[in-house]
PDB file of all heavy atoms in Angstrom:
ATOM      1  N   MET A   1      18.218  -3.996  38.390  1.00  0.00           N
ATOM      2  CA  MET A   1      17.274  -4.351  37.323  1.00  0.00           C
ATOM      3  C   MET A   1      17.621  -3.622  36.032  1.00  0.00           C
ATOM      4  O   MET A   1      17.586  -4.206  34.933  1.00  0.00           O
ATOM      5  CB  MET A   1      15.848  -4.006  37.764  1.00  0.00           C
ATOM      6  CG  MET A   1      15.321  -4.870  38.899  1.00  0.00           C
ATOM      7  SD  MET A   1      13.702  -4.310  39.485  1.00  0.00           S
ATOM      8  CE  MET A   1      12.709  -4.514  38.003  1.00  0.00           C
ATOM      9  N   GLY A   2      17.973  -2.333  36.171  1.00  0.00           N
ATOM     10  CA  GLY A   2      18.311  -1.536  34.986  1.00  0.00           C
ATOM     11  C   GLY A   2      19.516  -2.084  34.254  1.00  0.00           C
ATOM     12  O   GLY A   2      19.515  -2.170  33.010  1.00  0.00           O
ATOM     13  N   LEU A   3      20.540  -2.498  35.002  1.00  0.00           N
ATOM     14  CA  LEU A   3      21.740  -3.011  34.359  1.00  0.00           C
ATOM     15  C   LEU A   3      21.486  -4.344  33.671  1.00  0.00           C
ATOM     16  O   LEU A   3      22.095  -4.635  32.639  1.00  0.00           O
ATOM     17  CB  LEU A   3      22.865  -3.151  35.384  1.00  0.00           C
ATOM     18  CG  LEU A   3      23.496  -1.834  35.827  1.00  0.00           C
ATOM     19  CD1 LEU A   3      24.518  -2.071  36.927  1.00  0.00           C
ATOM     20  CD2 LEU A   3      24.172  -1.121  34.645  1.00  0.00           C
ATOM     21  N   ASN A   4      20.614  -5.140  34.227  1.00  0.00           N
ATOM     22  CA  ASN A   4      20.252  -6.393  33.561  1.00  0.00           C
ATOM     23  C   ASN A   4      19.586  -6.095  32.207  1.00  0.00           C
ATOM     24  O   ASN A   4      19.826  -6.785  31.218  1.00  0.00           O
ATOM     25  CB  ASN A   4      19.319  -7.222  34.439  1.00  0.00           C
ATOM     26  CG  ASN A   4      20.041  -7.869  35.600  1.00  0.00           C
ATOM     27  OD1 ASN A   4      21.232  -8.124  35.526  1.00  0.00           O
ATOM     28  ND2 ASN A   4      19.326  -8.114  36.681  1.00  0.00           N
ATOM     29  N   VAL A   5      18.745  -5.048  32.191  1.00  0.00           N
ATOM     30  CA  VAL A   5      18.107  -4.655  30.931  1.00  0.00           C
ATOM     31  C   VAL A   5      19.156  -4.093  29.966  1.00  0.00           C
ATOM     32  O   VAL A   5      19.107  -4.357  28.753  1.00  0.00           O
ATOM     33  CB  VAL A   5      16.995  -3.612  31.193  1.00  0.00           C
ATOM     34  CG1 VAL A   5      16.403  -3.138  29.862  1.00  0.00           C
ATOM     35  CG2 VAL A   5      15.889  -4.214  32.049  1.00  0.00           C
ATOM     36  N   VAL A   6      20.142  -3.322  30.505  1.00  0.00           N
ATOM     37  CA  VAL A   6      21.214  -2.787  29.673  1.00  0.00           C
ATOM     38  C   VAL A   6      21.930  -3.908  28.935  1.00  0.00           C
ATOM     39  O   VAL A   6      22.172  -3.858  27.726  1.00  0.00           O
ATOM     40  CB  VAL A   6      22.219  -1.975  30.528  1.00  0.00           C
ATOM     41  CG1 VAL A   6      23.514  -1.731  29.742  1.00  0.00           C
ATOM     42  CG2 VAL A   6      21.606  -0.648  30.952  1.00  0.00           C
ATOM     43  N   ILE A   7      22.279  -4.957  29.673  1.00  0.00           N
ATOM     44  CA  ILE A   7      23.017  -6.075  29.081  1.00  0.00           C
ATOM     45  C   ILE A   7      22.168  -6.778  28.027  1.00  0.00           C
ATOM     46  O   ILE A   7      22.649  -7.151  26.952  1.00  0.00           O
ATOM     47  CB  ILE A   7      23.472  -7.062  30.185  1.00  0.00           C
ATOM     48  CG1 ILE A   7      24.560  -6.391  31.031  1.00  0.00           C
ATOM     49  CG2 ILE A   7      23.981  -8.364  29.580  1.00  0.00           C
ATOM     50  CD1 ILE A   7      24.931  -7.146  32.287  1.00  0.00           C
ATOM     51  N   PHE A   8      20.871  -6.934  28.313  1.00  0.00           N
ATOM     52  CA  PHE A   8      19.973  -7.540  27.312  1.00  0.00           C
ATOM     53  C   PHE A   8      19.915  -6.694  26.043  1.00  0.00           C
ATOM     54  O   PHE A   8      20.004  -7.215  24.927  1.00  0.00           O
ATOM     55  CB  PHE A   8      18.567  -7.704  27.906  1.00  0.00           C
ATOM     56  CG  PHE A   8      17.544  -8.142  26.889  1.00  0.00           C
ATOM     57  CD1 PHE A   8      17.500  -9.454  26.461  1.00  0.00           C
ATOM     58  CD2 PHE A   8      16.642  -7.236  26.356  1.00  0.00           C
ATOM     59  CE1 PHE A   8      16.577  -9.869  25.512  1.00  0.00           C
ATOM     60  CE2 PHE A   8      15.706  -7.633  25.416  1.00  0.00           C
ATOM     61  CZ  PHE A   8      15.666  -8.954  24.995  1.00  0.00           C
ATOM     62  N   LEU A   9      19.798  -5.370  26.210  1.00  0.00           N
ATOM     63  CA  LEU A   9      19.731  -4.477  25.058  1.00  0.00           C
ATOM     64  C   LEU A   9      21.010  -4.527  24.245  1.00  0.00           C
ATOM     65  O   LEU A   9      20.984  -4.539  23.002  1.00  0.00           O
ATOM     66  CB  LEU A   9      19.444  -3.043  25.504  1.00  0.00           C
ATOM     67  CG  LEU A   9      18.054  -2.771  26.069  1.00  0.00           C
ATOM     68  CD1 LEU A   9      17.993  -1.370  26.682  1.00  0.00           C
ATOM     69  CD2 LEU A   9      16.974  -2.920  24.989  1.00  0.00           C
ATOM     70  N   LEU A  10      22.150  -4.561  24.946  1.00  0.00           N
ATOM     71  CA  LEU A  10      23.429  -4.616  24.237  1.00  0.00           C
ATOM     72  C   LEU A  10      23.577  -5.938  23.461  1.00  0.00           C
ATOM     73  O   LEU A  10      24.071  -5.959  22.347  1.00  0.00           O
ATOM     74  CB  LEU A  10      24.596  -4.443  25.224  1.00  0.00           C
ATOM     75  CG  LEU A  10      24.794  -3.032  25.770  1.00  0.00           C
ATOM     76  CD1 LEU A  10      25.744  -3.056  26.931  1.00  0.00           C
ATOM     77  CD2 LEU A  10      25.303  -2.104  24.682  1.00  0.00           C
ATOM     78  N   ASN A  11      23.140  -7.023  24.092  1.00  0.00           N
ATOM     79  CA  ASN A  11      23.244  -8.320  23.444  1.00  0.00           C
ATOM     80  C   ASN A  11      22.326  -8.454  22.239  1.00  0.00           C
ATOM     81  O   ASN A  11      22.514  -9.336  21.395  1.00  0.00           O
ATOM     82  CB  ASN A  11      22.929  -9.437  24.445  1.00  0.00           C
ATOM     83  CG  ASN A  11      24.133  -9.764  25.320  1.00  0.00           C
ATOM     84  OD1 ASN A  11      25.264  -9.700  24.867  1.00  0.00           O
ATOM     85  ND2 ASN A  11      23.887 -10.099  26.564  1.00  0.00           N
ATOM     86  N   THR A  12      21.321  -7.592  22.156  1.00  0.00           N
ATOM     87  CA  THR A  12      20.391  -7.624  21.022  1.00  0.00           C
ATOM     88  C   THR A  12      20.585  -6.428  20.108  1.00  0.00           C
ATOM     89  O   THR A  12      19.680  -6.026  19.378  1.00  0.00           O
ATOM     90  CB  THR A  12      18.923  -7.678  21.532  1.00  0.00           C
ATOM     91  OG1 THR A  12      18.698  -6.588  22.454  1.00  0.00           O
ATOM     92  CG2 THR A  12      18.626  -8.993  22.223  1.00  0.00           C
ATOM     93  N   ASP A  13      21.806  -5.861  20.159  1.00  0.00           N
ATOM     94  CA  ASP A  13      22.223  -4.783  19.244  1.00  0.00           C
ATOM     95  C   ASP A  13      21.404  -3.496  19.374  1.00  0.00           C
ATOM     96  O   ASP A  13      21.334  -2.711  18.427  1.00  0.00           O
ATOM     97  CB  ASP A  13      22.186  -5.263  17.784  1.00  0.00           C
ATOM     98  CG  ASP A  13      23.432  -6.057  17.416  1.00  0.00           C
ATOM     99  OD1 ASP A  13      24.253  -6.287  18.310  1.00  0.00           O
ATOM    100  OD2 ASP A  13      23.569  -6.432  16.238  1.00  0.00           O
ATOM    101  N   ARG A  14      20.812  -3.281  20.525  1.00  0.00           N
ATOM    102  CA  ARG A  14      20.073  -2.025  20.746  1.00  0.00           C
ATOM    103  C   ARG A  14      20.936  -1.107  21.623  1.00  0.00           C
ATOM    104  O   ARG A  14      20.597  -0.826  22.764  1.00  0.00           O
ATOM    105  CB  ARG A  14      18.715  -2.327  21.352  1.00  0.00           C
ATOM    106  CG  ARG A  14      17.733  -2.857  20.310  1.00  0.00           C
ATOM    107  CD  ARG A  14      16.399  -3.226  20.912  1.00  0.00           C
ATOM    108  NE  ARG A  14      16.432  -4.524  21.593  1.00  0.00           N
ATOM    109  CZ  ARG A  14      15.387  -5.085  22.163  1.00  0.00           C
ATOM    110  NH1 ARG A  14      14.222  -4.466  22.196  1.00  0.00           N
ATOM    111  NH2 ARG A  14      15.494  -6.264  22.736  1.00  0.00           N
ATOM    112  N   GLY A  15      22.053  -0.698  21.034  1.00  0.00           N
ATOM    113  CA  GLY A  15      23.068   0.028  21.787  1.00  0.00           C
ATOM    114  C   GLY A  15      22.631   1.386  22.269  1.00  0.00           C
ATOM    115  O   GLY A  15      23.021   1.804  23.369  1.00  0.00           O
ATOM    116  N   LEU A  16      21.867   2.127  21.480  1.00  0.00           N
ATOM    117  CA  LEU A  16      21.502   3.468  21.870  1.00  0.00           C
ATOM    118  C   LEU A  16      20.591   3.479  23.092  1.00  0.00           C
ATOM    119  O   LEU A  16      20.757   4.285  24.008  1.00  0.00           O
ATOM    120  CB  LEU A  16      20.835   4.188  20.704  1.00  0.00           C
ATOM    121  CG  LEU A  16      21.704   4.311  19.435  1.00  0.00           C
ATOM    122  CD1 LEU A  16      20.985   5.136  18.379  1.00  0.00           C
ATOM    123  CD2 LEU A  16      23.055   4.943  19.763  1.00  0.00           C
ATOM    124  N   GLN A  17      19.625   2.552  23.095  1.00  0.00           N
ATOM    125  CA  GLN A  17      18.740   2.456  24.273  1.00  0.00           C
ATOM    126  C   GLN A  17      19.533   2.022  25.503  1.00  0.00           C
ATOM    127  O   GLN A  17      19.312   2.526  26.612  1.00  0.00           O
ATOM    128  CB  GLN A  17      17.604   1.447  24.015  1.00  0.00           C
ATOM    129  CG  GLN A  17      16.661   1.856  22.879  1.00  0.00           C
ATOM    130  CD  GLN A  17      17.034   1.180  21.579  1.00  0.00           C
ATOM    131  OE1 GLN A  17      18.179   1.141  21.198  1.00  0.00           O
ATOM    132  NE2 GLN A  17      16.027   0.665  20.896  1.00  0.00           N
ATOM    133  N   ALA A  18      20.467   1.097  25.279  1.00  0.00           N
ATOM    134  CA  ALA A  18      21.291   0.622  26.395  1.00  0.00           C
ATOM    135  C   ALA A  18      22.139   1.747  26.959  1.00  0.00           C
ATOM    136  O   ALA A  18      22.314   1.873  28.180  1.00  0.00           O
ATOM    137  CB  ALA A  18      22.186  -0.522  25.917  1.00  0.00           C
ATOM    138  N   THR A  19      22.671   2.585  26.080  1.00  0.00           N
ATOM    139  CA  THR A  19      23.512   3.716  26.499  1.00  0.00           C
ATOM    140  C   THR A  19      22.724   4.660  27.406  1.00  0.00           C
ATOM    141  O   THR A  19      23.197   5.059  28.470  1.00  0.00           O
ATOM    142  CB  THR A  19      24.016   4.479  25.269  1.00  0.00           C
ATOM    143  OG1 THR A  19      24.826   3.607  24.481  1.00  0.00           O
ATOM    144  CG2 THR A  19      24.821   5.684  25.682  1.00  0.00           C
ATOM    145  N   GLU A  20      21.528   5.015  27.002  1.00  0.00           N
ATOM    146  CA  GLU A  20      20.714   5.935  27.792  1.00  0.00           C
ATOM    147  C   GLU A  20      20.384   5.349  29.167  1.00  0.00           C
ATOM    148  O   GLU A  20      20.467   6.037  30.191  1.00  0.00           O
ATOM    149  CB  GLU A  20      19.421   6.263  27.026  1.00  0.00           C
ATOM    150  CG  GLU A  20      19.652   7.043  25.739  1.00  0.00           C
ATOM    151  CD  GLU A  20      18.394   7.166  24.895  1.00  0.00           C
ATOM    152  OE1 GLU A  20      17.342   6.666  25.332  1.00  0.00           O
ATOM    153  OE2 GLU A  20      18.477   7.770  23.799  1.00  0.00           O
ATOM    154  N   LEU A  21      20.012   4.068  29.182  1.00  0.00           N
ATOM    155  CA  LEU A  21      19.640   3.436  30.442  1.00  0.00           C
ATOM    156  C   LEU A  21      20.824   3.290  31.372  1.00  0.00           C
ATOM    157  O   LEU A  21      20.731   3.515  32.592  1.00  0.00           O
ATOM    158  CB  LEU A  21      19.005   2.064  30.178  1.00  0.00           C
ATOM    159  CG  LEU A  21      18.513   1.284  31.379  1.00  0.00           C
ATOM    160  CD1 LEU A  21      17.533   2.106  32.211  1.00  0.00           C
ATOM    161  CD2 LEU A  21      17.871  -0.030  30.943  1.00  0.00           C
ATOM    162  N   CYS A  22      21.997   2.958  30.800  1.00  0.00           N
ATOM    163  CA  CYS A  22      23.197   2.788  31.610  1.00  0.00           C
ATOM    164  C   CYS A  22      23.592   4.108  32.266  1.00  0.00           C
ATOM    165  O   CYS A  22      23.953   4.146  33.450  1.00  0.00           O
ATOM    166  CB  CYS A  22      24.338   2.265  30.739  1.00  0.00           C
ATOM    167  SG  CYS A  22      25.725   1.613  31.676  1.00  0.00           S
ATOM    168  N   ASN A  23      23.493   5.196  31.549  1.00  0.00           N
ATOM    169  CA  ASN A  23      23.818   6.507  32.111  1.00  0.00           C
ATOM    170  C   ASN A  23      22.848   6.862  33.250  1.00  0.00           C
ATOM    171  O   ASN A  23      23.237   7.457  34.253  1.00  0.00           O
ATOM    172  CB  ASN A  23      23.785   7.572  31.032  1.00  0.00           C
ATOM    173  CG  ASN A  23      25.005   7.528  30.123  1.00  0.00           C
ATOM    174  OD1 ASN A  23      26.080   7.136  30.544  1.00  0.00           O
ATOM    175  ND2 ASN A  23      24.838   7.928  28.881  1.00  0.00           N
ATOM    176  N   GLU A  24      21.583   6.481  33.087  1.00  0.00           N
ATOM    177  CA  GLU A  24      20.603   6.722  34.157  1.00  0.00           C
ATOM    178  C   GLU A  24      20.955   5.932  35.408  1.00  0.00           C
ATOM    179  O   GLU A  24      20.801   6.423  36.540  1.00  0.00           O
ATOM    180  CB  GLU A  24      19.200   6.361  33.665  1.00  0.00           C
ATOM    181  CG  GLU A  24      18.644   7.323  32.616  1.00  0.00           C
ATOM    182  CD  GLU A  24      17.290   6.883  32.084  1.00  0.00           C
ATOM    183  OE1 GLU A  24      16.705   5.952  32.676  1.00  0.00           O
ATOM    184  OE2 GLU A  24      16.818   7.468  31.087  1.00  0.00           O
ATOM    185  N   CYS A  25      21.436   4.707  35.225  1.00  0.00           N
ATOM    186  CA  CYS A  25      21.836   3.878  36.372  1.00  0.00           C
ATOM    187  C   CYS A  25      23.002   4.517  37.124  1.00  0.00           C
ATOM    188  O   CYS A  25      23.026   4.519  38.359  1.00  0.00           O
ATOM    189  CB  CYS A  25      22.237   2.475  35.900  1.00  0.00           C
ATOM    190  SG  CYS A  25      20.861   1.465  35.331  1.00  0.00           S
ATOM    191  N   ILE A  26      23.938   5.047  36.392  1.00  0.00           N
ATOM    192  CA  ILE A  26      25.091   5.690  37.026  1.00  0.00           C
ATOM    193  C   ILE A  26      24.663   6.922  37.807  1.00  0.00           C
ATOM    194  O   ILE A  26      25.136   7.156  38.920  1.00  0.00           O
ATOM    195  CB  ILE A  26      26.151   6.042  35.957  1.00  0.00           C
ATOM    196  CG1 ILE A  26      26.764   4.763  35.370  1.00  0.00           C
ATOM    197  CG2 ILE A  26      27.248   6.922  36.554  1.00  0.00           C
ATOM    198  CD1 ILE A  26      27.653   4.991  34.181  1.00  0.00           C
ATOM    199  N   ILE A  27      23.756   7.691  37.247  1.00  0.00           N
ATOM    200  CA  ILE A  27      23.247   8.875  37.940  1.00  0.00           C
ATOM    201  C   ILE A  27      22.545   8.469  39.242  1.00  0.00           C
ATOM    202  O   ILE A  27      22.732   9.097  40.287  1.00  0.00           O
ATOM    203  CB  ILE A  27      22.286   9.666  37.044  1.00  0.00           C
ATOM    204  CG1 ILE A  27      23.056  10.305  35.892  1.00  0.00           C
ATOM    205  CG2 ILE A  27      21.551  10.747  37.829  1.00  0.00           C
ATOM    206  CD1 ILE A  27      22.170  10.889  34.785  1.00  0.00           C
ATOM    207  N   LEU A  28      21.761   7.395  39.206  1.00  0.00           N
ATOM    208  CA  LEU A  28      21.109   6.900  40.403  1.00  0.00           C
ATOM    209  C   LEU A  28      22.112   6.525  41.483  1.00  0.00           C
ATOM    210  O   LEU A  28      21.933   6.851  42.657  1.00  0.00           O
ATOM    211  CB  LEU A  28      20.227   5.689  40.070  1.00  0.00           C
ATOM    212  CG  LEU A  28      18.880   5.963  39.411  1.00  0.00           C
ATOM    213  CD1 LEU A  28      18.221   4.650  39.005  1.00  0.00           C
ATOM    214  CD2 LEU A  28      17.962   6.737  40.363  1.00  0.00           C
ATOM    215  N   LEU A  29      23.184   5.840  41.075  1.00  0.00           N
ATOM    216  CA  LEU A  29      24.199   5.441  42.049  1.00  0.00           C
ATOM    217  C   LEU A  29      24.893   6.660  42.653  1.00  0.00           C
ATOM    218  O   LEU A  29      25.171   6.690  43.855  1.00  0.00           O
ATOM    219  CB  LEU A  29      25.239   4.544  41.370  1.00  0.00           C
ATOM    220  CG  LEU A  29      24.805   3.094  41.133  1.00  0.00           C
ATOM    221  CD1 LEU A  29      25.921   2.329  40.425  1.00  0.00           C
ATOM    222  CD2 LEU A  29      24.456   2.394  42.445  1.00  0.00           C
ATOM    223  N   GLN A  30      25.175   7.637  41.798  1.00  0.00           N
ATOM    224  CA  GLN A  30      25.827   8.840  42.319  1.00  0.00           C
ATOM    225  C   GLN A  30      24.939   9.579  43.321  1.00  0.00           C
ATOM    226  O   GLN A  30      25.437  10.200  44.261  1.00  0.00           O
ATOM    227  CB  GLN A  30      26.211   9.762  41.138  1.00  0.00           C
ATOM    228  CG  GLN A  30      27.332   9.185  40.283  1.00  0.00           C
ATOM    229  CD  GLN A  30      27.539   9.937  38.993  1.00  0.00           C
ATOM    230  OE1 GLN A  30      26.634  10.612  38.516  1.00  0.00           O
ATOM    231  NE2 GLN A  30      28.717   9.814  38.422  1.00  0.00           N
ATOM    232  N   ASN A  31      23.637   9.466  43.143  1.00  0.00           N
ATOM    233  CA  ASN A  31      22.703  10.106  44.068  1.00  0.00           C
ATOM    234  C   ASN A  31      22.674   9.429  45.432  1.00  0.00           C
ATOM    235  O   ASN A  31      22.188  10.012  46.405  1.00  0.00           O
ATOM    236  CB  ASN A  31      21.295  10.103  43.482  1.00  0.00           C
ATOM    237  CG  ASN A  31      21.149  11.094  42.334  1.00  0.00           C
ATOM    238  OD1 ASN A  31      21.916  12.031  42.227  1.00  0.00           O
ATOM    239  ND2 ASN A  31      20.169  10.863  41.468  1.00  0.00           N
ATOM    240  N   LEU A  32      23.198   8.211  45.512  1.00  0.00           N
ATOM    241  CA  LEU A  32      23.274   7.527  46.816  1.00  0.00           C
ATOM    242  C   LEU A  32      24.186   8.270  47.772  1.00  0.00           C
ATOM    243  O   LEU A  32      24.029   8.208  48.976  1.00  0.00           O
ATOM    244  CB  LEU A  32      23.803   6.091  46.632  1.00  0.00           C
ATOM    245  CG  LEU A  32      22.794   5.032  46.230  1.00  0.00           C
ATOM    246  CD1 LEU A  32      23.522   3.717  45.973  1.00  0.00           C
ATOM    247  CD2 LEU A  32      21.747   4.821  47.312  1.00  0.00           C
ATOM    248  N   ASP A  33      25.175   8.928  47.180  1.00  0.00           N
ATOM    249  CA  ASP A  33      26.147   9.609  48.038  1.00  0.00           C
ATOM    250  C   ASP A  33      26.575  10.928  47.422  1.00  0.00           C
ATOM    251  O   ASP A  33      27.735  11.227  47.289  1.00  0.00           O
ATOM    252  CB  ASP A  33      27.377   8.698  48.249  1.00  0.00           C
ATOM    253  CG  ASP A  33      28.198   9.158  49.428  1.00  0.00           C
ATOM    254  OD1 ASP A  33      27.597   9.516  50.472  1.00  0.00           O
ATOM    255  OD2 ASP A  33      29.423   9.161  49.339  1.00  0.00           O
ATOM    256  N   SER A  34      25.600  11.730  47.014  1.00  0.00           N
ATOM    257  CA  SER A  34      25.907  13.002  46.379  1.00  0.00           C
ATOM    258  C   SER A  34      26.641  13.929  47.346  1.00  0.00           C
ATOM    259  O   SER A  34      26.380  13.931  48.542  1.00  0.00           O
ATOM    260  CB  SER A  34      24.620  13.680  45.912  1.00  0.00           C
ATOM    261  OG  SER A  34      23.755  13.885  47.012  1.00  0.00           O
ATOM    262  N   GLY A  35      27.594  14.673  46.805  1.00  0.00           N
ATOM    263  CA  GLY A  35      28.361  15.597  47.619  1.00  0.00           C
ATOM    264  C   GLY A  35      29.622  15.018  48.181  1.00  0.00           C
ATOM    265  O   GLY A  35      30.392  15.698  48.840  1.00  0.00           O
TER     266      GLY A  35
END
């Protein structure tokens, strides 16, 4: 869901918000298999 919002934000020139959300998504994925 977050990445879909990231793409929407990028397509509407809201790059800074998209950047923050995309980094949060990556952190969530890394937490799936931390260590």
